[in-house]
Amino acid sequence: MKSPALSLWLSSVNGALGWWGGHAANAVRRQQRAALTEMLKPATGTLSKPKRRTRRRGTTAKRKAL
């Protein structure tokens, strides 16, 4: 049977490792996403969404003709 002190110490170590592990995993994901973006740039040109065009209204004479 574990002593309460050992149990408390183990739980605090697990909590700290979990926090650091989460941050390390996020850093790896961020690096992988950046690498993937760099690899895809030459193939696709750009990964950003195309800009939305504003629809321009015709002149008054054209609108009245319709």
N, C-alpha and C. Protein backbone atom coordinates (compact mmCIF):
# COMPACT_ATOMS: atom_id res chain seq x y z
N MET A 1 0.84 -1.19 0.00
CA MET A 1 0.00 0.00 0.00
C MET A 1 0.89 1.25 0.00
N LYS A 2 0.49 2.24 -0.81
CA LYS A 2 1.29 3.46 -0.90
C LYS A 2 1.03 4.35 0.31
N SER A 3 2.06 5.06 0.68
CA SER A 3 1.87 6.02 1.76
C SER A 3 1.19 7.26 1.19
N PRO A 4 0.47 8.00 2.02
CA PRO A 4 -0.20 9.21 1.53
C PRO A 4 0.78 10.24 0.95
N ALA A 5 1.97 10.33 1.52
CA ALA A 5 2.95 11.28 1.03
C ALA A 5 3.42 10.89 -0.38
N LEU A 6 3.67 9.60 -0.58
CA LEU A 6 4.11 9.12 -1.88
C LEU A 6 3.00 9.31 -2.92
N SER A 7 1.77 9.03 -2.52
CA SER A 7 0.63 9.20 -3.42
C SER A 7 0.48 10.66 -3.83
N LEU A 8 0.60 11.57 -2.87
CA LEU A 8 0.51 12.99 -3.16
C LEU A 8 1.63 13.43 -4.09
N TRP A 9 2.84 12.94 -3.84
CA TRP A 9 3.98 13.30 -4.67
C TRP A 9 3.79 12.79 -6.10
N LEU A 10 3.31 11.54 -6.23
CA LEU A 10 3.08 10.97 -7.57
C LEU A 10 2.01 11.74 -8.32
N SER A 11 0.95 12.13 -7.63
CA SER A 11 -0.12 12.86 -8.31
C SER A 11 0.36 14.23 -8.76
N SER A 12 1.20 14.89 -7.96
CA SER A 12 1.71 16.20 -8.37
C SER A 12 2.67 16.06 -9.55
N VAL A 13 3.49 14.99 -9.56
CA VAL A 13 4.40 14.75 -10.69
C VAL A 13 3.59 14.46 -11.95
N ASN A 14 2.55 13.64 -11.84
CA ASN A 14 1.71 13.34 -13.00
C ASN A 14 1.03 14.60 -13.53
N GLY A 15 0.57 15.45 -12.62
CA GLY A 15 -0.06 16.69 -13.06
C GLY A 15 0.92 17.59 -13.80
N ALA A 16 2.14 17.71 -13.28
CA ALA A 16 3.14 18.55 -13.94
C ALA A 16 3.53 17.97 -15.29
N LEU A 17 3.71 16.66 -15.35
CA LEU A 17 4.07 16.03 -16.63
C LEU A 17 2.95 16.19 -17.64
N GLY A 18 1.71 16.09 -17.19
CA GLY A 18 0.58 16.27 -18.09
C GLY A 18 0.55 17.67 -18.68
N TRP A 19 0.80 18.67 -17.86
CA TRP A 19 0.82 20.06 -18.33
C TRP A 19 1.93 20.26 -19.34
N TRP A 20 3.14 19.81 -19.02
CA TRP A 20 4.27 19.96 -19.94
C TRP A 20 4.08 19.14 -21.20
N GLY A 21 3.50 17.95 -21.04
CA GLY A 21 3.26 17.10 -22.21
C GLY A 21 2.29 17.75 -23.17
N GLY A 22 1.26 18.39 -22.63
CA GLY A 22 0.29 19.09 -23.48
C GLY A 22 0.94 20.23 -24.24
N HIS A 23 1.80 20.99 -23.57
CA HIS A 23 2.48 22.10 -24.23
C HIS A 23 3.45 21.60 -25.28
N ALA A 24 4.14 20.51 -24.98
CA ALA A 24 5.08 19.94 -25.96
C ALA A 24 4.33 19.43 -27.18
N ALA A 25 3.18 18.79 -26.97
CA ALA A 25 2.39 18.28 -28.09
C ALA A 25 1.88 19.43 -28.96
N ASN A 26 1.46 20.53 -28.33
CA ASN A 26 1.01 21.69 -29.10
C ASN A 26 2.15 22.29 -29.91
N ALA A 27 3.34 22.33 -29.35
CA ALA A 27 4.49 22.87 -30.07
C ALA A 27 4.82 22.00 -31.29
N VAL A 28 4.75 20.69 -31.10
CA VAL A 28 5.02 19.77 -32.23
C VAL A 28 3.97 19.96 -33.31
N ARG A 29 2.70 20.06 -32.92
CA ARG A 29 1.62 20.27 -33.90
C ARG A 29 1.82 21.57 -34.67
N ARG A 30 2.20 22.63 -33.95
CA ARG A 30 2.42 23.92 -34.59
C ARG A 30 3.55 23.83 -35.62
N GLN A 31 4.64 23.14 -35.26
CA GLN A 31 5.76 22.98 -36.18
C GLN A 31 5.36 22.14 -37.39
N GLN A 32 4.58 21.09 -37.16
CA GLN A 32 4.15 20.24 -38.28
C GLN A 32 3.25 21.03 -39.22
N ARG A 33 2.36 21.84 -38.67
CA ARG A 33 1.46 22.65 -39.51
C ARG A 33 2.25 23.66 -40.33
N ALA A 34 3.26 24.28 -39.71
CA ALA A 34 4.09 25.24 -40.43
C ALA A 34 4.87 24.55 -41.54
N ALA A 35 5.40 23.35 -41.26
CA ALA A 35 6.15 22.61 -42.28
C ALA A 35 5.24 22.21 -43.43
N LEU A 36 4.04 21.76 -43.12
CA LEU A 36 3.09 21.37 -44.16
C LEU A 36 2.71 22.56 -45.02
N THR A 37 2.50 23.70 -44.39
CA THR A 37 2.17 24.92 -45.13
C THR A 37 3.30 25.29 -46.08
N GLU A 38 4.54 25.19 -45.60
CA GLU A 38 5.68 25.52 -46.45
C GLU A 38 5.81 24.54 -47.61
N MET A 39 5.52 23.27 -47.36
CA MET A 39 5.64 22.27 -48.44
C MET A 39 4.56 22.46 -49.50
N LEU A 40 3.38 22.89 -49.09
CA LEU A 40 2.27 23.03 -50.03
C LEU A 40 2.28 24.36 -50.78
N LYS A 41 3.04 25.33 -50.31
CA LYS A 41 3.03 26.65 -50.96
C LYS A 41 3.39 26.59 -52.45
N PRO A 42 4.49 25.96 -52.85
CA PRO A 42 4.83 25.95 -54.28
C PRO A 42 3.80 25.20 -55.12
N ALA A 43 3.18 24.17 -54.56
CA ALA A 43 2.24 23.36 -55.33
C ALA A 43 0.92 24.09 -55.56
N THR A 44 0.43 24.77 -54.56
CA THR A 44 -0.90 25.38 -54.67
C THR A 44 -0.85 26.89 -54.85
N GLY A 45 0.30 27.48 -54.69
CA GLY A 45 0.39 28.93 -54.81
C GLY A 45 0.12 29.59 -53.47
N THR A 46 -1.06 29.39 -52.93
CA THR A 46 -1.40 29.97 -51.63
C THR A 46 -2.46 29.11 -50.97
N LEU A 47 -2.48 29.13 -49.66
CA LEU A 47 -3.48 28.35 -48.93
C LEU A 47 -4.59 29.24 -48.38
N SER A 48 -4.45 30.56 -48.51
CA SER A 48 -5.46 31.43 -47.93
C SER A 48 -6.72 31.43 -48.80
N LYS A 49 -7.84 31.73 -48.17
CA LYS A 49 -9.09 31.77 -48.89
C LYS A 49 -9.08 32.95 -49.85
N PRO A 50 -9.70 32.81 -51.02
CA PRO A 50 -9.74 33.94 -51.95
C PRO A 50 -10.57 35.08 -51.38
N LYS A 51 -10.19 36.27 -51.72
CA LYS A 51 -10.91 37.44 -51.23
C LYS A 51 -12.30 37.50 -51.87
N ARG A 52 -13.27 37.92 -51.08
CA ARG A 52 -14.62 38.06 -51.62
C ARG A 52 -14.71 39.33 -52.43
N ARG A 53 -15.31 39.23 -53.59
CA ARG A 53 -15.47 40.42 -54.43
C ARG A 53 -16.77 41.12 -54.06
N THR A 54 -16.72 42.42 -54.10
CA THR A 54 -17.95 43.17 -53.84
C THR A 54 -18.71 43.29 -55.16
N ARG A 55 -19.98 43.08 -55.10
CA ARG A 55 -20.80 43.21 -56.30
C ARG A 55 -21.11 44.68 -56.52
N ARG A 56 -20.77 45.16 -57.69
CA ARG A 56 -21.00 46.57 -57.98
C ARG A 56 -22.35 46.74 -58.67
N ARG A 57 -23.02 47.75 -58.28
CA ARG A 57 -24.32 48.03 -58.89
C ARG A 57 -24.11 48.77 -60.19
N GLY A 58 -24.95 48.48 -61.16
CA GLY A 58 -24.86 49.17 -62.46
C GLY A 58 -25.35 50.59 -62.35
N THR A 59 -25.22 51.31 -63.41
CA THR A 59 -25.69 52.68 -63.43
C THR A 59 -27.21 52.71 -63.35
N THR A 60 -27.78 53.84 -63.08
CA THR A 60 -29.22 53.96 -62.93
C THR A 60 -29.95 53.63 -64.23
N ALA A 61 -29.39 54.05 -65.36
CA ALA A 61 -30.03 53.78 -66.64
C ALA A 61 -30.09 52.28 -66.90
N LYS A 62 -29.04 51.57 -66.57
CA LYS A 62 -29.04 50.12 -66.79
C LYS A 62 -30.05 49.44 -65.89
N ARG A 63 -30.19 49.90 -64.66
CA ARG A 63 -31.13 49.28 -63.74
C ARG A 63 -32.57 49.55 -64.18
N LYS A 64 -32.86 50.73 -64.71
CA LYS A 64 -34.23 51.05 -65.14
C LYS A 64 -34.60 50.27 -66.39
N ALA A 65 -33.59 49.95 -67.24
CA ALA A 65 -33.87 49.20 -68.47
C ALA A 65 -34.30 47.77 -68.14
N LEU A 66 -33.85 47.24 -67.01
CA LEU A 66 -34.23 45.88 -66.64
C LEU A 66 -35.58 45.91 -66.05
